[in-house]
N, C-alpha and C. Protein backbone atom coordinates (compact mmCIF):
# COMPACT_ATOMS: atom_id res chain seq x y z
N VAL A 1 -11.92 -0.73 -16.19
CA VAL A 1 -10.86 -1.07 -15.70
C VAL A 1 -9.79 -1.21 -16.47
N GLN A 2 -8.78 -1.01 -15.43
CA GLN A 2 -7.03 -1.04 -16.03
C GLN A 2 -6.74 -2.02 -15.36
N LEU A 3 -5.54 -3.31 -16.16
CA LEU A 3 -4.87 -4.13 -14.90
C LEU A 3 -3.90 -4.28 -15.58
N GLN A 4 -2.44 -4.18 -15.05
CA GLN A 4 -1.19 -4.32 -15.70
C GLN A 4 -0.28 -5.51 -14.55
N ALA A 5 -0.48 -6.81 -15.79
CA ALA A 5 0.51 -7.98 -15.50
C ALA A 5 1.93 -7.84 -15.55
N SER A 6 2.77 -8.28 -14.52
CA SER A 6 4.20 -8.01 -14.53
C SER A 6 4.77 -9.15 -14.08
N GLY A 7 6.23 -9.28 -13.52
CA GLY A 7 6.53 -10.08 -13.28
C GLY A 7 7.36 -11.11 -14.06
N GLY A 8 7.22 -11.24 -15.26
CA GLY A 8 7.22 -12.45 -15.86
C GLY A 8 8.67 -12.86 -16.23
N GLY A 9 9.51 -13.66 -16.47
CA GLY A 9 10.74 -13.46 -16.93
C GLY A 9 11.54 -14.43 -17.12
N LEU A 10 13.18 -15.30 -17.81
CA LEU A 10 13.40 -16.20 -17.94
C LEU A 10 13.79 -17.15 -16.41
N VAL A 11 13.21 -18.19 -16.61
CA VAL A 11 13.64 -19.24 -15.44
C VAL A 11 14.27 -20.31 -16.09
N GLN A 12 15.02 -21.42 -15.18
CA GLN A 12 14.73 -22.33 -15.33
C GLN A 12 14.04 -23.27 -14.67
N PRO A 13 14.75 -24.53 -15.06
CA PRO A 13 13.28 -25.76 -14.83
C PRO A 13 13.45 -25.98 -12.46
N GLY A 14 12.41 -26.09 -12.16
CA GLY A 14 12.26 -26.05 -10.69
C GLY A 14 12.28 -24.47 -10.50
N GLY A 15 12.71 -23.48 -10.91
CA GLY A 15 12.46 -22.18 -10.29
C GLY A 15 11.35 -22.05 -9.99
N SER A 16 11.27 -20.42 -9.92
CA SER A 16 10.15 -19.96 -8.72
C SER A 16 10.21 -18.33 -9.77
N LEU A 17 8.70 -17.99 -9.93
CA LEU A 17 8.24 -16.15 -10.70
C LEU A 17 7.62 -16.63 -9.25
N ARG A 18 7.07 -14.28 -9.25
CA ARG A 18 6.57 -14.17 -8.83
C ARG A 18 5.38 -13.17 -9.62
N LEU A 19 3.71 -13.28 -10.88
CA LEU A 19 3.62 -12.52 -10.81
C LEU A 19 2.60 -11.30 -10.28
N SER A 20 2.46 -10.39 -10.58
CA SER A 20 1.15 -8.92 -9.73
C SER A 20 0.52 -8.65 -11.12
N CYS A 21 -0.24 -8.70 -10.96
CA CYS A 21 -1.51 -7.86 -11.62
C CYS A 21 -1.79 -6.80 -10.28
N ALA A 22 -1.97 -5.48 -11.42
CA ALA A 22 -2.34 -4.31 -10.36
C ALA A 22 -3.38 -3.44 -10.87
N ALA A 23 -4.03 -2.60 -10.46
CA ALA A 23 -5.17 -2.20 -11.07
C ALA A 23 -5.29 -0.80 -11.14
N ALA A 24 -5.58 0.67 -11.99
CA ALA A 24 -5.78 1.52 -11.27
C ALA A 24 -7.55 2.04 -11.84
N GLY A 25 -7.22 2.68 -10.66
CA GLY A 25 -9.13 3.68 -10.71
C GLY A 25 -10.09 2.45 -10.34
N VAL A 26 -9.94 1.30 -9.72
CA VAL A 26 -10.92 0.49 -9.07
C VAL A 26 -10.15 -0.18 -8.34
N THR A 27 -10.82 -0.38 -7.19
CA THR A 27 -10.53 -1.68 -5.98
C THR A 27 -10.88 -2.78 -5.85
N LEU A 28 -9.88 -3.50 -6.59
CA LEU A 28 -9.24 -4.91 -6.57
C LEU A 28 -10.53 -6.31 -6.00
N ASP A 29 -10.54 -5.98 -5.25
CA ASP A 29 -11.48 -6.85 -4.40
C ASP A 29 -12.45 -7.08 -4.62
N ASN A 30 -13.80 -6.15 -4.82
CA ASN A 30 -15.04 -6.19 -5.68
C ASN A 30 -14.72 -7.04 -7.29
N TYR A 31 -13.81 -7.50 -7.44
CA TYR A 31 -13.60 -7.88 -8.55
C TYR A 31 -12.91 -9.97 -8.50
N ASP A 32 -13.83 -10.53 -9.24
CA ASP A 32 -12.64 -11.59 -9.26
C ASP A 32 -11.86 -11.87 -9.53
N ILE A 33 -10.70 -12.35 -9.80
CA ILE A 33 -9.24 -12.03 -10.55
C ILE A 33 -8.88 -13.03 -11.05
N GLY A 34 -8.63 -13.18 -12.70
CA GLY A 34 -8.01 -14.75 -13.00
C GLY A 34 -6.68 -14.16 -13.14
N TRP A 35 -6.08 -15.59 -13.83
CA TRP A 35 -4.51 -15.59 -14.72
C TRP A 35 -4.77 -16.96 -15.28
N PHE A 36 -4.62 -16.37 -16.46
CA PHE A 36 -4.90 -16.95 -17.77
C PHE A 36 -3.09 -17.32 -18.24
N ARG A 37 -3.43 -18.17 -19.54
CA ARG A 37 -1.70 -18.10 -20.22
C ARG A 37 -2.59 -18.35 -21.59
N GLN A 38 -1.34 -18.37 -22.49
CA GLN A 38 -1.43 -18.69 -23.39
C GLN A 38 0.19 -19.25 -24.18
N ALA A 39 -0.15 -20.50 -24.28
CA ALA A 39 1.71 -21.02 -25.42
C ALA A 39 1.42 -20.85 -26.74
N PRO A 40 2.69 -20.90 -27.82
CA PRO A 40 2.50 -20.21 -28.43
C PRO A 40 1.09 -21.51 -29.56
N GLY A 41 1.08 -21.18 -30.14
CA GLY A 41 -0.20 -22.13 -30.81
C GLY A 41 -1.32 -22.91 -30.35
N LYS A 42 -1.44 -22.52 -29.35
CA LYS A 42 -2.73 -22.95 -28.10
C LYS A 42 -3.43 -21.65 -27.77
N GLN A 43 -4.43 -22.51 -27.59
CA GLN A 43 -5.27 -21.51 -26.77
C GLN A 43 -5.49 -20.70 -25.23
N ARG A 44 -5.87 -19.66 -25.30
CA ARG A 44 -6.20 -19.19 -23.54
C ARG A 44 -6.54 -20.19 -22.77
N GLY A 45 -5.89 -20.36 -21.96
CA GLY A 45 -6.69 -21.23 -21.00
C GLY A 45 -6.98 -20.09 -19.59
N GLY A 46 -7.46 -21.34 -18.47
CA GLY A 46 -7.19 -20.31 -16.67
C GLY A 46 -6.43 -20.96 -16.58
N VAL A 47 -6.16 -20.03 -15.25
CA VAL A 47 -4.61 -20.58 -14.73
C VAL A 47 -4.55 -20.98 -13.24
N SER A 48 -6.11 -19.93 -12.79
CA SER A 48 -6.25 -19.77 -11.03
C SER A 48 -7.48 -18.49 -11.06
N CYS A 49 -8.03 -18.37 -10.28
CA CYS A 49 -8.70 -17.53 -9.57
C CYS A 49 -8.90 -17.23 -8.07
N ILE A 50 -9.38 -16.28 -7.92
CA ILE A 50 -9.34 -16.03 -6.94
C ILE A 50 -10.93 -15.42 -6.65
N SER A 51 -11.41 -15.45 -5.73
CA SER A 51 -13.27 -14.38 -5.80
C SER A 51 -13.61 -12.94 -5.48
N SER A 52 -14.34 -12.62 -5.84
CA SER A 52 -14.23 -11.49 -4.52
C SER A 52 -15.14 -11.47 -3.63
N SER A 53 -15.96 -12.83 -3.35
CA SER A 53 -17.16 -13.01 -2.68
C SER A 53 -16.65 -13.00 -1.46
N ASP A 54 -15.77 -14.23 -1.04
CA ASP A 54 -14.75 -15.01 -0.01
C ASP A 54 -13.20 -15.36 -0.28
N GLY A 55 -12.96 -14.84 -1.14
CA GLY A 55 -11.75 -14.85 -1.26
C GLY A 55 -11.13 -16.84 -1.65
N SER A 56 -12.16 -17.52 -1.45
CA SER A 56 -11.81 -18.47 -2.21
C SER A 56 -10.90 -18.80 -3.84
N THR A 57 -10.54 -20.06 -3.61
CA THR A 57 -9.24 -20.08 -5.12
C THR A 57 -10.11 -21.41 -5.61
N TYR A 58 -8.68 -20.99 -6.95
CA TYR A 58 -9.07 -22.39 -7.76
C TYR A 58 -8.21 -22.55 -8.62
N TYR A 59 -7.81 -23.53 -9.09
CA TYR A 59 -6.39 -23.85 -10.05
C TYR A 59 -6.78 -24.40 -10.76
N ALA A 60 -6.23 -24.60 -12.22
CA ALA A 60 -6.30 -26.08 -12.85
C ALA A 60 -5.25 -26.78 -12.49
N ASP A 61 -6.07 -28.09 -12.97
CA ASP A 61 -5.42 -29.26 -12.32
C ASP A 61 -3.41 -28.97 -12.74
N SER A 62 -3.37 -28.70 -13.95
CA SER A 62 -1.41 -29.63 -14.16
C SER A 62 -1.27 -27.79 -13.32
N VAL A 63 -2.21 -27.17 -12.57
CA VAL A 63 -0.69 -26.05 -11.87
C VAL A 63 -0.86 -26.32 -9.89
N LYS A 64 -2.06 -27.31 -9.17
CA LYS A 64 -2.48 -26.95 -8.11
C LYS A 64 -0.71 -28.22 -7.41
N GLY A 65 -0.97 -27.36 -6.68
CA GLY A 65 0.16 -27.52 -5.27
C GLY A 65 1.77 -26.84 -5.91
N ARG A 66 1.75 -26.19 -7.07
CA ARG A 66 2.75 -25.45 -7.66
C ARG A 66 2.09 -23.79 -7.84
N PHE A 67 1.51 -23.41 -8.35
CA PHE A 67 1.18 -22.30 -7.80
C PHE A 67 0.32 -22.15 -6.99
N THR A 68 0.42 -20.88 -6.49
CA THR A 68 -0.78 -19.87 -5.49
C THR A 68 -1.35 -18.57 -5.72
N ILE A 69 -2.68 -17.80 -5.56
CA ILE A 69 -2.84 -17.28 -6.21
C ILE A 69 -3.05 -16.81 -4.54
N SER A 70 -3.43 -15.09 -4.92
CA SER A 70 -3.59 -14.10 -3.24
C SER A 70 -3.95 -12.67 -3.56
N ARG A 71 -4.13 -12.26 -2.61
CA ARG A 71 -4.98 -10.79 -3.07
C ARG A 71 -3.98 -9.39 -1.85
N ASP A 72 -3.33 -8.69 -1.67
CA ASP A 72 -2.86 -7.44 -0.89
C ASP A 72 -3.99 -6.57 -1.34
N ASN A 73 -4.66 -6.38 -0.46
CA ASN A 73 -6.04 -5.16 -0.47
C ASN A 73 -4.93 -4.20 -0.29
N ALA A 74 -4.32 -3.61 0.39
CA ALA A 74 -3.65 -2.64 0.86
C ALA A 74 -2.64 -2.18 -0.55
N LYS A 75 -2.20 -3.04 -1.36
CA LYS A 75 -1.40 -2.78 -2.57
C LYS A 75 -2.24 -2.87 -3.65
N ASN A 76 -3.73 -2.86 -3.54
CA ASN A 76 -4.63 -3.49 -4.55
C ASN A 76 -4.02 -4.46 -5.94
N THR A 77 -3.42 -5.00 -5.65
CA THR A 77 -2.91 -6.08 -6.49
C THR A 77 -2.91 -7.60 -5.70
N VAL A 78 -3.05 -8.35 -6.71
CA VAL A 78 -3.49 -9.99 -6.98
C VAL A 78 -2.19 -10.58 -7.29
N TYR A 79 -1.20 -11.25 -6.48
CA TYR A 79 -0.68 -12.13 -7.25
C TYR A 79 -0.49 -13.50 -7.34
N LEU A 80 -0.18 -14.34 -8.65
CA LEU A 80 -0.09 -15.68 -8.30
C LEU A 80 1.81 -16.24 -8.61
N GLN A 81 1.75 -16.67 -7.00
CA GLN A 81 3.02 -17.13 -7.02
C GLN A 81 3.32 -18.79 -7.74
N MET A 82 4.29 -18.59 -8.07
CA MET A 82 4.85 -20.34 -9.30
C MET A 82 6.15 -20.75 -8.63
N ASN A 83 5.59 -22.06 -8.24
CA ASN A 83 6.86 -22.90 -7.86
C ASN A 83 7.19 -23.93 -8.88
N SER A 84 8.02 -24.80 -9.03
CA SER A 84 8.59 -25.78 -9.50
C SER A 84 7.99 -25.39 -10.38
N LEU A 85 8.54 -24.69 -11.17
CA LEU A 85 7.79 -24.51 -13.19
C LEU A 85 8.42 -25.19 -14.17
N LYS A 86 8.37 -25.59 -14.84
CA LYS A 86 8.28 -26.59 -15.52
C LYS A 86 8.21 -26.25 -17.66
N PRO A 87 9.02 -26.84 -17.82
CA PRO A 87 8.81 -25.98 -19.25
C PRO A 87 7.58 -25.77 -20.18
N GLU A 88 6.70 -26.68 -20.28
CA GLU A 88 5.48 -26.55 -20.28
C GLU A 88 4.56 -25.52 -19.54
N ASP A 89 4.96 -24.95 -18.79
CA ASP A 89 4.13 -23.42 -18.47
C ASP A 89 4.97 -22.35 -19.03
N THR A 90 5.53 -22.55 -20.09
CA THR A 90 5.48 -21.06 -20.91
C THR A 90 4.80 -20.68 -21.53
N ALA A 91 4.93 -19.44 -21.73
CA ALA A 91 3.24 -19.07 -22.27
C ALA A 91 3.73 -17.62 -21.61
N VAL A 92 2.44 -16.92 -22.59
CA VAL A 92 1.95 -15.19 -21.91
C VAL A 92 1.26 -15.73 -20.89
N TYR A 93 1.15 -14.64 -19.94
CA TYR A 93 0.69 -14.60 -18.63
C TYR A 93 -0.29 -13.49 -18.90
N CYS A 94 -1.37 -13.69 -18.29
CA CYS A 94 -1.99 -11.67 -18.35
C CYS A 94 -3.67 -12.10 -17.20
N CYS A 95 -3.54 -11.10 -16.43
CA CYS A 95 -4.41 -11.34 -15.41
C CYS A 95 -5.87 -10.79 -16.28
N GLY A 96 -7.47 -11.05 -15.25
CA GLY A 96 -8.80 -10.56 -15.93
C GLY A 96 -9.44 -10.44 -14.88
N ALA A 97 -10.42 -9.56 -15.05
CA ALA A 97 -11.81 -9.43 -13.93
C ALA A 97 -12.63 -9.66 -13.88
N ASP A 98 -13.54 -9.65 -13.61
CA ASP A 98 -14.61 -9.78 -13.62
C ASP A 98 -15.87 -9.93 -12.20
N ARG A 99 -17.19 -9.35 -12.37
CA ARG A 99 -17.69 -9.08 -11.15
C ARG A 99 -17.91 -10.51 -10.06
N ARG A 100 -18.01 -11.57 -10.84
CA ARG A 100 -18.74 -12.69 -10.29
C ARG A 100 -18.65 -14.34 -11.02
N ARG A 101 -19.30 -13.86 -12.03
CA ARG A 101 -18.75 -15.06 -13.24
C ARG A 101 -17.80 -16.04 -13.27
N MET A 102 -16.42 -15.37 -12.95
CA MET A 102 -15.47 -15.95 -12.65
C MET A 102 -15.12 -17.28 -12.23
N SER A 103 -15.42 -16.98 -10.43
CA SER A 103 -15.42 -17.54 -9.78
C SER A 103 -16.77 -18.50 -9.81
N THR A 104 -17.71 -18.07 -9.81
CA THR A 104 -19.45 -18.61 -10.17
C THR A 104 -18.92 -20.22 -11.38
N THR A 105 -18.41 -19.94 -12.48
CA THR A 105 -17.90 -20.66 -13.20
C THR A 105 -17.08 -21.71 -12.51
N ALA A 106 -16.21 -21.23 -11.75
CA ALA A 106 -14.90 -22.28 -11.07
C ALA A 106 -15.32 -23.02 -10.40
N GLN A 107 -16.28 -22.62 -9.29
CA GLN A 107 -17.12 -23.06 -8.52
C GLN A 107 -17.56 -24.54 -8.82
N ARG A 108 -18.94 -24.00 -9.75
CA ARG A 108 -19.69 -25.07 -10.22
C ARG A 108 -19.43 -26.28 -11.76
N MET A 109 -18.05 -25.55 -12.19
CA MET A 109 -17.84 -26.23 -13.58
C MET A 109 -16.36 -26.61 -13.51
N GLY A 110 -15.52 -26.29 -12.70
CA GLY A 110 -14.19 -27.23 -12.13
C GLY A 110 -13.45 -26.63 -13.59
N VAL A 111 -13.76 -25.01 -14.09
CA VAL A 111 -13.09 -24.49 -15.40
C VAL A 111 -12.92 -22.93 -14.52
N ILE A 112 -11.33 -22.44 -15.16
CA ILE A 112 -11.74 -21.29 -15.44
C ILE A 112 -11.81 -20.59 -16.37
N HIS A 113 -12.74 -20.29 -17.01
CA HIS A 113 -12.85 -19.88 -18.66
C HIS A 113 -13.30 -18.28 -19.19
N PRO A 114 -11.68 -17.74 -19.82
CA PRO A 114 -11.30 -17.07 -20.30
C PRO A 114 -12.83 -16.23 -20.90
N ILE A 115 -13.84 -16.62 -21.68
CA ILE A 115 -14.99 -16.52 -21.52
C ILE A 115 -15.54 -15.54 -20.45
N THR A 116 -15.03 -16.10 -18.87
CA THR A 116 -16.05 -15.19 -17.78
C THR A 116 -15.52 -13.75 -17.69
N VAL A 117 -13.94 -13.95 -18.65
CA VAL A 117 -13.81 -12.47 -17.90
C VAL A 117 -14.20 -10.73 -18.73
N SER A 118 -14.72 -10.11 -18.10
CA SER A 118 -14.81 -8.59 -18.63
C SER A 118 -14.03 -7.59 -18.62
N TYR A 119 -12.68 -7.82 -17.98
CA TYR A 119 -10.63 -7.32 -18.29
C TYR A 119 -10.02 -7.65 -18.18
N TRP A 120 -9.54 -7.12 -19.18
CA TRP A 120 -8.21 -7.79 -19.17
C TRP A 120 -7.17 -6.65 -18.92
N GLY A 121 -6.15 -7.39 -18.70
CA GLY A 121 -4.50 -6.72 -18.90
C GLY A 121 -3.90 -7.25 -20.01
N GLN A 122 -3.33 -6.58 -19.84
CA GLN A 122 -1.95 -7.19 -20.49
C GLN A 122 -0.86 -8.38 -20.35
N GLY A 123 -0.10 -8.54 -21.01
CA GLY A 123 0.54 -9.97 -20.31
C GLY A 123 1.84 -10.01 -20.42
N THR A 124 2.62 -10.98 -19.80
CA THR A 124 3.54 -11.36 -19.28
C THR A 124 3.52 -11.86 -19.62
N GLN A 125 5.36 -12.68 -20.30
CA GLN A 125 6.04 -13.50 -20.66
C GLN A 125 6.82 -14.21 -19.75
N VAL A 126 6.15 -15.36 -19.51
CA VAL A 126 6.82 -16.38 -18.52
C VAL A 126 7.78 -17.83 -19.69
N THR A 127 9.06 -17.27 -19.49
CA THR A 127 9.96 -18.68 -20.52
C THR A 127 10.58 -20.03 -19.32
N VAL A 128 9.86 -21.20 -18.64
CA VAL A 128 10.90 -21.75 -18.11
C VAL A 128 11.99 -22.98 -18.91
N SER A 129 13.24 -22.89 -18.89
CA SER A 129 14.31 -23.22 -20.13
C SER A 129 15.29 -23.20 -19.46
N SER A 130 16.42 -24.13 -19.40
CA SER A 130 17.72 -24.41 -18.88
C SER A 130 18.77 -24.11 -20.37
């Protein structure tokens, strides 16, 4: 599974960005897809994921109400719409895929955990600064 994240950039606080996670050679709706981020000096953490089974979505508390994850099956792409961005959202964002563990863990434990990812894409830098 090859994933490619894109859409990052520099944005002012309060602004918006939309990240895209595209796949080659596989159908993304067969996989749980998650977005993760890593800021300098910090561990990689889960931001959001979308289930392959029923489209359920999960979010880290820090982004609830501001970020929205969605799928476009026709384009074989998963998006992360990020609104009301804050400086603390600055990080490298990457997407990951797994058959089912990601959403199951998010549902049962309330955590979108990097350990549940089987396939990683390259990251895209998001910088929120005035």
